[in-house]
Amino acid sequence: MPIPECPPGDTRLAYYFAQAVDLAYYNDDGPAKFRDQLGLEAKLISVGNTQVYVAGDDANIVCAFRGSESPTSIDGLKDWFLTNANNLLVLPEGRAGTDFAAAGVGARFHRGFLEALESVWAPFLAAVEAAYTQKERPIWICGHSLGGALALLAAWRLERAGFPVHQVYTFGAPMIGNAAAAAAFEKNLGGRVFRVIDIKDVVPKLPTISLTSNLYEHCPKELTVGQGTPAALAADLAPGDTIAPEAAPGVWAAVLGQIEAHFMNNYLSRLSQG
């Protein structure tokens, strides 16, 4: 099944990469599934709790980031979004700091996402470099949930490393940084990043605010699927508030109350309907 030839952001492209992201949740049988379902030769790179497949055929390279370990639960995400100090918006350090310096002095990023990408960056970059050196082809990047956040950060770093990213597709992804970071990504990757969200999926609204007063914000290009009332967080949590300990249970209850909309099988179903 080749990548559809259609305009950027077309739902047919989104559906193709939703399939790739869904396959990214497989381990030993993942390469066979990539080959059988999408015609891609794939390699799993796994370091700690971060996993990404680098796959390709003669015409394209596809990088698919896994979200949480279980695609049908959200266990463990609470700490990422609400109660873990890693929610702090920070200026990246080390090599990542060099890569993200071009985002500008005001750009700040979610520390936990940065650290997760950093853990897998060296083998991931080596795999992409090997594939691109073998044959220069369009590089597509995709991811679900936390994997969507990593996909977007990886796209930025690949560009800084000299590998042109063709397009990025994320599904139910949270915000990765503040308004300055979002503006930098839009300026440098604008027109190539497509955030697919179900209107009832609350995870893309997280983390709405950091443990400091810096607001998180999304890149603007959004592809909405599904119908009904948009997802909402706790009614008593206003934009600009900090997440006080007493507010966290209400926010998390809102997430769990609409969690079915966040699963990949929901996104696949929505997109398959065109």
C-alpha atoms as a PDB file:
ATOM      1  CA  MET A   1       0.000   0.000   0.000  1.00  0.00           C
ATOM      2  CA  PRO A   2       1.911   3.075  -1.214  1.00  0.00           C
ATOM      3  CA  ILE A   3       1.542   6.522   0.341  1.00  0.00           C
ATOM      4  CA  PRO A   4      -1.421   8.184  -1.417  1.00  0.00           C
ATOM      5  CA  GLU A   5      -0.616  10.896  -3.913  1.00  0.00           C
ATOM      6  CA  CYS A   6      -2.831  13.733  -2.753  1.00  0.00           C
ATOM      7  CA  PRO A   7      -2.570  17.275  -1.352  1.00  0.00           C
ATOM      8  CA  PRO A   8      -0.880  17.828   2.033  1.00  0.00           C
ATOM      9  CA  GLY A   9      -3.290  17.327   4.918  1.00  0.00           C
ATOM     10  CA  ASP A  10      -5.681  15.193   2.883  1.00  0.00           C
ATOM     11  CA  THR A  11      -7.603  12.681   5.029  1.00  0.00           C
ATOM     12  CA  ARG A  12      -6.252   9.860   2.852  1.00  0.00           C
ATOM     13  CA  LEU A  13      -2.733  10.761   3.910  1.00  0.00           C
ATOM     14  CA  ALA A  14      -3.848  11.064   7.528  1.00  0.00           C
ATOM     15  CA  TYR A  15      -5.413   7.601   7.340  1.00  0.00           C
ATOM     16  CA  TYR A  16      -2.239   6.074   5.907  1.00  0.00           C
ATOM     17  CA  PHE A  17      -0.111   7.477   8.721  1.00  0.00           C
ATOM     18  CA  ALA A  18      -2.707   6.551  11.309  1.00  0.00           C
ATOM     19  CA  GLN A  19      -2.151   2.966  10.176  1.00  0.00           C
ATOM     20  CA  ALA A  20       1.613   3.387  10.516  1.00  0.00           C
ATOM     21  CA  VAL A  21       1.235   4.776  14.028  1.00  0.00           C
ATOM     22  CA  ASP A  22      -1.082   1.923  14.973  1.00  0.00           C
ATOM     23  CA  LEU A  23       1.539  -0.592  13.801  1.00  0.00           C
ATOM     24  CA  ALA A  24       4.167   1.212  15.885  1.00  0.00           C
ATOM     25  CA  TYR A  25       2.597  -0.349  18.994  1.00  0.00           C
ATOM     26  CA  TYR A  26       3.728  -3.825  17.919  1.00  0.00           C
ATOM     27  CA  ASN A  27       7.061  -5.253  19.011  1.00  0.00           C
ATOM     28  CA  ASP A  28       8.524  -8.483  17.526  1.00  0.00           C
ATOM     29  CA  ASP A  29       5.804  -8.822  14.898  1.00  0.00           C
ATOM     30  CA  GLY A  30       5.897  -5.123  13.986  1.00  0.00           C
ATOM     31  CA  PRO A  31       8.300  -5.392  11.018  1.00  0.00           C
ATOM     32  CA  ALA A  32       6.182  -8.107   9.418  1.00  0.00           C
ATOM     33  CA  LYS A  33       3.026  -6.029   9.873  1.00  0.00           C
ATOM     34  CA  PHE A  34       4.650  -2.955   8.328  1.00  0.00           C
ATOM     35  CA  ARG A  35       5.719  -5.106   5.378  1.00  0.00           C
ATOM     36  CA  ASP A  36       2.359  -6.848   4.913  1.00  0.00           C
ATOM     37  CA  GLN A  37       0.044  -3.883   5.467  1.00  0.00           C
ATOM     38  CA  LEU A  38       2.017  -0.905   4.170  1.00  0.00           C
ATOM     39  CA  GLY A  39       4.773  -2.456   2.050  1.00  0.00           C
ATOM     40  CA  LEU A  40       7.491  -0.899   4.218  1.00  0.00           C
ATOM     41  CA  GLU A  41      10.651  -2.491   5.568  1.00  0.00           C
ATOM     42  CA  ALA A  42      10.718  -1.401   9.192  1.00  0.00           C
ATOM     43  CA  LYS A  43      13.133  -1.402  12.111  1.00  0.00           C
ATOM     44  CA  LEU A  44      12.084  -0.854  15.737  1.00  0.00           C
ATOM     45  CA  ILE A  45      14.277   1.400  17.858  1.00  0.00           C
ATOM     46  CA  SER A  46      13.512   1.065  21.557  1.00  0.00           C
ATOM     47  CA  VAL A  47      15.288   2.770  24.442  1.00  0.00           C
ATOM     48  CA  GLY A  48      13.632   2.680  27.851  1.00  0.00           C
ATOM     49  CA  ASN A  49      10.037   3.806  27.437  1.00  0.00           C
ATOM     50  CA  THR A  50      10.535   5.429  24.032  1.00  0.00           C
ATOM     51  CA  GLN A  51       9.916   3.520  20.811  1.00  0.00           C
ATOM     52  CA  VAL A  52       9.978   4.533  17.161  1.00  0.00           C
ATOM     53  CA  TYR A  53       9.931   2.614  13.895  1.00  0.00           C
ATOM     54  CA  VAL A  54      12.048   3.805  10.976  1.00  0.00           C
ATOM     55  CA  ALA A  55      10.546   2.265   7.871  1.00  0.00           C
ATOM     56  CA  GLY A  56      10.798   2.745   4.158  1.00  0.00           C
ATOM     57  CA  ASP A  57      10.364   1.579   0.610  1.00  0.00           C
ATOM     58  CA  ASP A  58      12.022   2.732  -2.604  1.00  0.00           C
ATOM     59  CA  ALA A  59      10.062   5.996  -2.595  1.00  0.00           C
ATOM     60  CA  ASN A  60       9.679   7.142   1.020  1.00  0.00           C
ATOM     61  CA  ILE A  61      11.016   7.021   4.582  1.00  0.00           C
ATOM     62  CA  VAL A  62       8.438   6.808   7.381  1.00  0.00           C
ATOM     63  CA  CYS A  63       9.207   7.411  11.070  1.00  0.00           C
ATOM     64  CA  ALA A  64       6.388   6.311  13.395  1.00  0.00           C
ATOM     65  CA  PHE A  65       6.581   7.137  17.107  1.00  0.00           C
ATOM     66  CA  ARG A  66       4.723   5.021  19.635  1.00  0.00           C
ATOM     67  CA  GLY A  67       2.673   6.678  22.356  1.00  0.00           C
ATOM     68  CA  SER A  68       2.295   5.025  25.752  1.00  0.00           C
ATOM     69  CA  GLU A  69       3.161   1.321  26.019  1.00  0.00           C
ATOM     70  CA  SER A  70      -0.507   0.339  25.833  1.00  0.00           C
ATOM     71  CA  PRO A  71      -2.511   1.874  22.984  1.00  0.00           C
ATOM     72  CA  THR A  72      -5.825   1.160  24.771  1.00  0.00           C
ATOM     73  CA  SER A  73      -5.092   2.678  28.169  1.00  0.00           C
ATOM     74  CA  ILE A  74      -3.817   5.949  29.526  1.00  0.00           C
ATOM     75  CA  ASP A  75      -2.084   4.608  32.626  1.00  0.00           C
ATOM     76  CA  GLY A  76       0.970   6.655  33.478  1.00  0.00           C
ATOM     77  CA  LEU A  77       0.053   9.732  31.457  1.00  0.00           C
ATOM     78  CA  LYS A  78      -1.302  11.553  34.506  1.00  0.00           C
ATOM     79  CA  ASP A  79       2.207  12.214  35.788  1.00  0.00           C
ATOM     80  CA  TRP A  80       3.311  13.576  32.413  1.00  0.00           C
ATOM     81  CA  PHE A  81       0.488  16.090  32.273  1.00  0.00           C
ATOM     82  CA  LEU A  82      -0.518  17.043  35.781  1.00  0.00           C
ATOM     83  CA  THR A  83       1.593  16.008  38.729  1.00  0.00           C
ATOM     84  CA  ASN A  84       5.148  15.510  37.523  1.00  0.00           C
ATOM     85  CA  ALA A  85       7.722  18.286  37.790  1.00  0.00           C
ATOM     86  CA  ASN A  86       8.799  17.339  34.264  1.00  0.00           C
ATOM     87  CA  ASN A  87       5.806  19.376  33.080  1.00  0.00           C
ATOM     88  CA  LEU A  88       7.951  22.477  33.559  1.00  0.00           C
ATOM     89  CA  LEU A  89       8.633  24.435  30.412  1.00  0.00           C
ATOM     90  CA  VAL A  90      12.389  24.608  29.971  1.00  0.00           C
ATOM     91  CA  LEU A  91      15.107  25.751  27.604  1.00  0.00           C
ATOM     92  CA  PRO A  92      16.734  22.595  26.203  1.00  0.00           C
ATOM     93  CA  GLU A  93      20.322  21.900  27.198  1.00  0.00           C
ATOM     94  CA  GLY A  94      23.249  20.079  25.590  1.00  0.00           C
ATOM     95  CA  ARG A  95      23.018  19.041  21.932  1.00  0.00           C
ATOM     96  CA  ALA A  96      19.221  19.398  22.040  1.00  0.00           C
ATOM     97  CA  GLY A  97      19.733  22.964  23.235  1.00  0.00           C
ATOM     98  CA  THR A  98      21.832  23.662  20.163  1.00  0.00           C
ATOM     99  CA  ASP A  99      19.178  22.143  17.901  1.00  0.00           C
ATOM    100  CA  PHE A 100      16.343  24.140  19.469  1.00  0.00           C
ATOM    101  CA  ALA A 101      18.249  27.441  19.744  1.00  0.00           C
ATOM    102  CA  ALA A 102      16.834  28.446  16.364  1.00  0.00           C
ATOM    103  CA  ALA A 103      13.366  28.531  17.939  1.00  0.00           C
ATOM    104  CA  GLY A 104      14.344  31.788  19.627  1.00  0.00           C
ATOM    105  CA  VAL A 105      15.283  32.989  23.090  1.00  0.00           C
ATOM    106  CA  GLY A 106      11.697  32.911  24.359  1.00  0.00           C
ATOM    107  CA  ALA A 107      10.872  29.357  23.279  1.00  0.00           C
ATOM    108  CA  ARG A 108      10.381  26.827  26.057  1.00  0.00           C
ATOM    109  CA  PHE A 109       9.563  23.121  25.768  1.00  0.00           C
ATOM    110  CA  HIS A 110       8.067  20.357  27.914  1.00  0.00           C
ATOM    111  CA  ARG A 111      11.043  18.840  29.733  1.00  0.00           C
ATOM    112  CA  GLY A 112       9.622  15.314  29.834  1.00  0.00           C
ATOM    113  CA  PHE A 113       9.077  15.194  26.065  1.00  0.00           C
ATOM    114  CA  LEU A 114      12.573  16.528  25.436  1.00  0.00           C
ATOM    115  CA  GLU A 115      14.122  13.881  27.679  1.00  0.00           C
ATOM    116  CA  ALA A 116      12.096  11.078  26.094  1.00  0.00           C
ATOM    117  CA  LEU A 117      13.258  12.067  22.608  1.00  0.00           C
ATOM    118  CA  GLU A 118      16.842  12.513  23.763  1.00  0.00           C
ATOM    119  CA  SER A 119      16.890   8.938  25.106  1.00  0.00           C
ATOM    120  CA  VAL A 120      16.317   7.517  21.628  1.00  0.00           C
ATOM    121  CA  TRP A 121      17.823  10.297  19.508  1.00  0.00           C
ATOM    122  CA  ALA A 122      21.246   8.836  18.688  1.00  0.00           C
ATOM    123  CA  PRO A 123      20.050   5.466  17.291  1.00  0.00           C
ATOM    124  CA  PHE A 124      17.034   7.121  15.660  1.00  0.00           C
ATOM    125  CA  LEU A 125      19.162   9.710  13.874  1.00  0.00           C
ATOM    126  CA  ALA A 126      21.605   7.009  12.794  1.00  0.00           C
ATOM    127  CA  ALA A 127      18.770   4.935  11.298  1.00  0.00           C
ATOM    128  CA  VAL A 128      17.326   7.903   9.418  1.00  0.00           C
ATOM    129  CA  GLU A 129      20.785   8.884   8.166  1.00  0.00           C
ATOM    130  CA  ALA A 130      21.452   5.340   6.940  1.00  0.00           C
ATOM    131  CA  ALA A 131      18.145   5.197   5.089  1.00  0.00           C
ATOM    132  CA  TYR A 132      18.557   8.648   3.552  1.00  0.00           C
ATOM    133  CA  THR A 133      22.158   7.990   2.544  1.00  0.00           C
ATOM    134  CA  GLN A 134      21.093   4.780   0.831  1.00  0.00           C
ATOM    135  CA  LYS A 135      18.622   6.832  -1.207  1.00  0.00           C
ATOM    136  CA  GLU A 136      17.376  10.381  -0.756  1.00  0.00           C
ATOM    137  CA  ARG A 137      13.608  10.162  -0.359  1.00  0.00           C
ATOM    138  CA  PRO A 138      10.836  12.202   1.322  1.00  0.00           C
ATOM    139  CA  ILE A 139      10.866  11.790   5.110  1.00  0.00           C
ATOM    140  CA  TRP A 140       7.452  11.516   6.767  1.00  0.00           C
ATOM    141  CA  ILE A 141       7.039  11.577  10.553  1.00  0.00           C
ATOM    142  CA  CYS A 142       4.002  10.519  12.575  1.00  0.00           C
ATOM    143  CA  GLY A 143       2.990   9.672  16.127  1.00  0.00           C
ATOM    144  CA  HIS A 144       0.071   9.179  18.515  1.00  0.00           C
ATOM    145  CA  SER A 145      -0.435  10.770  21.942  1.00  0.00           C
ATOM    146  CA  LEU A 146       2.996  11.205  23.561  1.00  0.00           C
ATOM    147  CA  GLY A 147       4.419   9.819  20.316  1.00  0.00           C
ATOM    148  CA  GLY A 148       2.838  12.749  18.495  1.00  0.00           C
ATOM    149  CA  ALA A 149       4.722  15.169  20.718  1.00  0.00           C
ATOM    150  CA  LEU A 150       7.953  13.283  20.042  1.00  0.00           C
ATOM    151  CA  ALA A 151       7.238  13.233  16.291  1.00  0.00           C
ATOM    152  CA  LEU A 152       6.963  17.006  16.202  1.00  0.00           C
ATOM    153  CA  LEU A 153      10.135  17.552  18.218  1.00  0.00           C
ATOM    154  CA  ALA A 154      11.961  14.981  16.071  1.00  0.00           C
ATOM    155  CA  ALA A 155      10.896  16.801  12.898  1.00  0.00           C
ATOM    156  CA  TRP A 156      12.536  19.979  14.164  1.00  0.00           C
ATOM    157  CA  ARG A 157      15.764  18.198  15.125  1.00  0.00           C
ATOM    158  CA  LEU A 158      15.976  16.299  11.836  1.00  0.00           C
ATOM    159  CA  GLU A 159      15.720  19.561   9.933  1.00  0.00           C
ATOM    160  CA  ARG A 160      18.501  21.015  12.071  1.00  0.00           C
ATOM    161  CA  ALA A 161      20.589  17.932  11.235  1.00  0.00           C
ATOM    162  CA  GLY A 162      20.140  18.586   7.532  1.00  0.00           C
ATOM    163  CA  PHE A 163      17.377  16.097   6.705  1.00  0.00           C
ATOM    164  CA  PRO A 164      14.398  17.787   5.015  1.00  0.00           C
ATOM    165  CA  VAL A 165      11.122  16.656   6.559  1.00  0.00           C
ATOM    166  CA  HIS A 166       8.345  16.284   4.024  1.00  0.00           C
ATOM    167  CA  GLN A 167       5.259  16.202   6.274  1.00  0.00           C
ATOM    168  CA  VAL A 168       4.308  15.437   9.903  1.00  0.00           C
ATOM    169  CA  TYR A 169       1.050  13.818  11.073  1.00  0.00           C
ATOM    170  CA  THR A 170       0.134  13.565  14.755  1.00  0.00           C
ATOM    171  CA  PHE A 171      -2.927  11.994  16.347  1.00  0.00           C
ATOM    172  CA  GLY A 172      -4.308  13.100  19.705  1.00  0.00           C
ATOM    173  CA  ALA A 173      -1.006  14.793  20.548  1.00  0.00           C
ATOM    174  CA  PRO A 174      -0.508  17.116  23.523  1.00  0.00           C
ATOM    175  CA  MET A 175       1.141  20.521  23.317  1.00  0.00           C
ATOM    176  CA  ILE A 176       4.944  20.534  23.361  1.00  0.00           C
ATOM    177  CA  GLY A 177       5.821  24.070  24.369  1.00  0.00           C
ATOM    178  CA  ASN A 178       4.837  27.687  24.896  1.00  0.00           C
ATOM    179  CA  ALA A 179       3.532  30.239  22.399  1.00  0.00           C
ATOM    180  CA  ALA A 180       7.020  31.221  21.244  1.00  0.00           C
ATOM    181  CA  ALA A 181       7.868  27.581  20.542  1.00  0.00           C
ATOM    182  CA  ALA A 182       4.618  27.061  18.619  1.00  0.00           C
ATOM    183  CA  ALA A 183       5.266  30.192  16.549  1.00  0.00           C
ATOM    184  CA  ALA A 184       8.792  29.019  15.706  1.00  0.00           C
ATOM    185  CA  PHE A 185       7.521  25.611  14.607  1.00  0.00           C
ATOM    186  CA  GLU A 186       4.842  27.220  12.469  1.00  0.00           C
ATOM    187  CA  LYS A 187       7.411  29.516  10.852  1.00  0.00           C
ATOM    188  CA  ASN A 188       9.888  26.743  10.091  1.00  0.00           C
ATOM    189  CA  LEU A 189       7.567  23.771   9.514  1.00  0.00           C
ATOM    190  CA  GLY A 190       4.380  25.612   8.564  1.00  0.00           C
ATOM    191  CA  GLY A 191       2.269  23.871   5.965  1.00  0.00           C
ATOM    192  CA  ARG A 192       3.928  20.532   6.737  1.00  0.00           C
ATOM    193  CA  VAL A 193       2.564  19.766  10.222  1.00  0.00           C
ATOM    194  CA  PHE A 194      -0.946  18.335  10.516  1.00  0.00           C
ATOM    195  CA  ARG A 195      -2.433  17.686  13.951  1.00  0.00           C
ATOM    196  CA  VAL A 196      -5.337  15.259  13.695  1.00  0.00           C
ATOM    197  CA  ILE A 197      -7.675  15.433  16.688  1.00  0.00           C
ATOM    198  CA  ASP A 198     -11.039  13.953  17.542  1.00  0.00           C
ATOM    199  CA  ILE A 199     -13.276  16.748  18.759  1.00  0.00           C
ATOM    200  CA  LYS A 200     -13.979  14.749  21.939  1.00  0.00           C
ATOM    201  CA  ASP A 201     -10.336  13.895  22.662  1.00  0.00           C
ATOM    202  CA  VAL A 202      -9.178  15.931  25.656  1.00  0.00           C
ATOM    203  CA  VAL A 203      -5.468  14.989  25.489  1.00  0.00           C
ATOM    204  CA  PRO A 204      -4.694  17.621  22.796  1.00  0.00           C
ATOM    205  CA  LYS A 205      -5.747  20.215  25.375  1.00  0.00           C
ATOM    206  CA  LEU A 206      -2.957  19.068  27.712  1.00  0.00           C
ATOM    207  CA  PRO A 207      -0.902  20.317  29.342  1.00  0.00           C
ATOM    208  CA  THR A 208      -2.975  23.517  29.120  1.00  0.00           C
ATOM    209  CA  ILE A 209      -0.722  25.158  31.635  1.00  0.00           C
ATOM    210  CA  SER A 210       2.617  24.402  33.175  1.00  0.00           C
ATOM    211  CA  LEU A 211       3.591  24.353  36.815  1.00  0.00           C
ATOM    212  CA  THR A 212       4.866  27.881  36.202  1.00  0.00           C
ATOM    213  CA  SER A 213       2.688  30.550  34.621  1.00  0.00           C
ATOM    214  CA  ASN A 214       3.822  29.924  31.029  1.00  0.00           C
ATOM    215  CA  LEU A 215       0.975  28.906  28.761  1.00  0.00           C
ATOM    216  CA  TYR A 216       1.367  25.953  26.420  1.00  0.00           C
ATOM    217  CA  GLU A 217       0.205  26.357  22.838  1.00  0.00           C
ATOM    218  CA  HIS A 218      -0.273  24.252  19.666  1.00  0.00           C
ATOM    219  CA  CYS A 219       0.912  24.680  16.110  1.00  0.00           C
ATOM    220  CA  PRO A 220      -2.204  26.016  14.357  1.00  0.00           C
ATOM    221  CA  LYS A 221      -2.828  23.488  11.549  1.00  0.00           C
ATOM    222  CA  GLU A 222      -5.543  21.211  12.930  1.00  0.00           C
ATOM    223  CA  LEU A 223      -7.566  18.473  11.209  1.00  0.00           C
ATOM    224  CA  THR A 224     -10.680  17.721  13.238  1.00  0.00           C
ATOM    225  CA  VAL A 225     -12.562  14.428  13.034  1.00  0.00           C
ATOM    226  CA  GLY A 226     -15.629  13.239  14.899  1.00  0.00           C
ATOM    227  CA  GLN A 227     -18.813  15.010  15.931  1.00  0.00           C
ATOM    228  CA  GLY A 228     -20.467  16.216  19.099  1.00  0.00           C
ATOM    229  CA  THR A 229     -19.512  18.550  21.902  1.00  0.00           C
ATOM    230  CA  PRO A 230     -15.823  19.490  22.038  1.00  0.00           C
ATOM    231  CA  ALA A 231     -13.813  17.977  24.864  1.00  0.00           C
ATOM    232  CA  ALA A 232     -13.592  20.106  27.996  1.00  0.00           C
ATOM    233  CA  LEU A 233     -11.372  20.147  31.033  1.00  0.00           C
ATOM    234  CA  ALA A 234     -12.545  20.905  34.557  1.00  0.00           C
ATOM    235  CA  ALA A 235     -15.043  23.746  34.394  1.00  0.00           C
ATOM    236  CA  ASP A 236     -13.351  25.600  37.245  1.00  0.00           C
ATOM    237  CA  LEU A 237      -9.954  25.652  35.532  1.00  0.00           C
ATOM    238  CA  ALA A 238      -9.523  28.882  33.613  1.00  0.00           C
ATOM    239  CA  PRO A 239      -6.778  29.564  31.043  1.00  0.00           C
ATOM    240  CA  GLY A 240      -3.782  31.087  32.759  1.00  0.00           C
ATOM    241  CA  ASP A 241      -4.370  29.299  36.059  1.00  0.00           C
ATOM    242  CA  THR A 242      -1.732  27.056  37.497  1.00  0.00           C
ATOM    243  CA  ILE A 243      -2.788  23.489  38.205  1.00  0.00           C
ATOM    244  CA  ALA A 244      -3.234  23.485  41.946  1.00  0.00           C
ATOM    245  CA  PRO A 245      -3.166  20.051  43.623  1.00  0.00           C
ATOM    246  CA  GLU A 246      -6.866  20.302  44.423  1.00  0.00           C
ATOM    247  CA  ALA A 247      -7.695  20.977  40.750  1.00  0.00           C
ATOM    248  CA  ALA A 248      -5.766  18.022  39.320  1.00  0.00           C
ATOM    249  CA  PRO A 249      -8.403  15.353  40.152  1.00  0.00           C
ATOM    250  CA  GLY A 250     -11.067  17.313  38.292  1.00  0.00           C
ATOM    251  CA  VAL A 251      -8.847  17.730  35.246  1.00  0.00           C
ATOM    252  CA  TRP A 252      -7.969  14.048  35.235  1.00  0.00           C
ATOM    253  CA  ALA A 253     -11.616  13.036  35.616  1.00  0.00           C
ATOM    254  CA  ALA A 254     -12.363  15.011  32.446  1.00  0.00           C
ATOM    255  CA  VAL A 255      -9.609  13.100  30.627  1.00  0.00           C
ATOM    256  CA  LEU A 256     -10.848   9.697  31.747  1.00  0.00           C
ATOM    257  CA  GLY A 257     -14.458  10.578  31.020  1.00  0.00           C
ATOM    258  CA  GLN A 258     -13.699  10.950  27.313  1.00  0.00           C
ATOM    259  CA  ILE A 259     -10.747   8.623  26.945  1.00  0.00           C
ATOM    260  CA  GLU A 260     -12.288   6.410  24.253  1.00  0.00           C
ATOM    261  CA  ALA A 261     -11.893   9.285  21.801  1.00  0.00           C
ATOM    262  CA  HIS A 262      -8.129   9.211  22.362  1.00  0.00           C
ATOM    263  CA  PHE A 263      -7.455   5.624  21.293  1.00  0.00           C
ATOM    264  CA  MET A 264      -5.935   4.879  17.883  1.00  0.00           C
ATOM    265  CA  ASN A 265      -8.789   2.563  16.918  1.00  0.00           C
ATOM    266  CA  ASN A 266     -11.093   5.583  17.167  1.00  0.00           C
ATOM    267  CA  TYR A 267      -8.850   7.700  14.919  1.00  0.00           C
ATOM    268  CA  LEU A 268      -8.561   4.864  12.403  1.00  0.00           C
ATOM    269  CA  SER A 269     -12.328   4.457  12.334  1.00  0.00           C
ATOM    270  CA  ARG A 270     -12.967   8.165  11.889  1.00  0.00           C
ATOM    271  CA  LEU A 271     -10.411   8.567   9.119  1.00  0.00           C
ATOM    272  CA  SER A 272     -11.461   5.437   7.253  1.00  0.00           C
ATOM    273  CA  GLN A 273     -14.853   7.077   6.730  1.00  0.00           C
ATOM    274  CA  GLY A 274     -13.185   9.818   4.699  1.00  0.00           C
END
